[in-house]
């Protein structure tokens, strides 16, 4: 959800995060990636992301 990329940083939210599985997927999709790290979101941050993702655009 909500991928975001800067010059050398890729950020994304994995709603079904598993450290081993996610690490393997990152390594498979981005084999040259260095300095891969994971950060835990607070419950509030998770709620905000999910709420924004479920909004429907107003016509």
Protein backbone atom coordinates (compact mmCIF):
# COMPACT_ATOMS: atom_id res chain seq x y z
CA UNK A 1 0.00 0.00 0.00
CA UNK A 2 1.05 3.54 -0.75
CA UNK A 3 4.47 2.93 -2.32
CA UNK A 4 6.74 5.96 -2.21
CA UNK A 5 10.18 6.31 -3.80
CA UNK A 6 12.89 8.94 -3.47
CA UNK A 7 16.24 8.96 -5.28
CA UNK A 8 17.59 6.03 -3.28
CA UNK A 9 14.78 5.06 -0.90
CA UNK A 10 11.70 2.94 -1.51
CA UNK A 11 8.99 2.94 1.15
CA UNK A 12 5.91 0.76 1.23
CA UNK A 13 3.49 -0.74 3.71
CA UNK A 14 3.03 -4.49 3.81
CA UNK A 15 -0.33 -5.24 5.41
CA UNK A 16 0.68 -8.90 5.84
CA UNK A 17 4.26 -8.39 7.04
CA UNK A 18 6.42 -11.37 7.86
CA UNK A 19 10.11 -10.58 8.32
CA UNK A 20 11.49 -13.63 6.51
CA UNK A 21 8.96 -13.58 3.66
CA UNK A 22 9.22 -9.83 3.12
CA UNK A 23 13.04 -9.92 3.21
CA UNK A 24 13.05 -12.70 0.61
CA UNK A 25 10.63 -10.80 -1.63
CA UNK A 26 12.65 -7.59 -1.41
CA UNK A 27 15.85 -9.48 -2.24
CA UNK A 28 14.16 -11.23 -5.18
CA UNK A 29 12.57 -8.07 -6.61
CA UNK A 30 15.48 -5.71 -5.87
CA UNK A 31 18.62 -7.88 -5.92
CA UNK A 32 21.00 -4.90 -5.63
CA UNK A 33 19.20 -3.34 -2.66
CA UNK A 34 21.48 -2.29 0.20
CA UNK A 35 20.64 -1.17 3.70
CA UNK A 36 17.20 -2.79 3.74
CA UNK A 37 15.39 -2.05 7.00
CA UNK A 38 11.91 -2.48 8.39
CA UNK A 39 10.07 -0.18 10.77
CA UNK A 40 7.03 -1.02 12.83
CA UNK A 41 4.05 1.33 12.52
CA UNK A 42 1.96 2.35 15.48
CA UNK A 43 -1.65 1.21 15.59
CA UNK A 44 -2.71 4.79 14.83
CA UNK A 45 -0.47 4.94 11.75
CA UNK A 46 -1.87 1.63 10.51
CA UNK A 47 -5.42 2.90 10.97
CA UNK A 48 -4.67 6.13 9.08
CA UNK A 49 -3.11 4.26 6.14
CA UNK A 50 -5.99 1.79 5.91
CA UNK A 51 -8.58 4.56 6.23
CA UNK A 52 -6.98 6.54 3.40
CA UNK A 53 -6.64 3.45 1.22
CA UNK A 54 -10.32 2.60 1.59
CA UNK A 55 -11.60 6.08 0.71
CA UNK A 56 -13.47 6.37 -2.53
CA UNK A 57 -12.87 9.47 -4.65
CA UNK A 58 -15.73 11.96 -4.61
CA UNK A 59 -17.19 12.50 -8.06
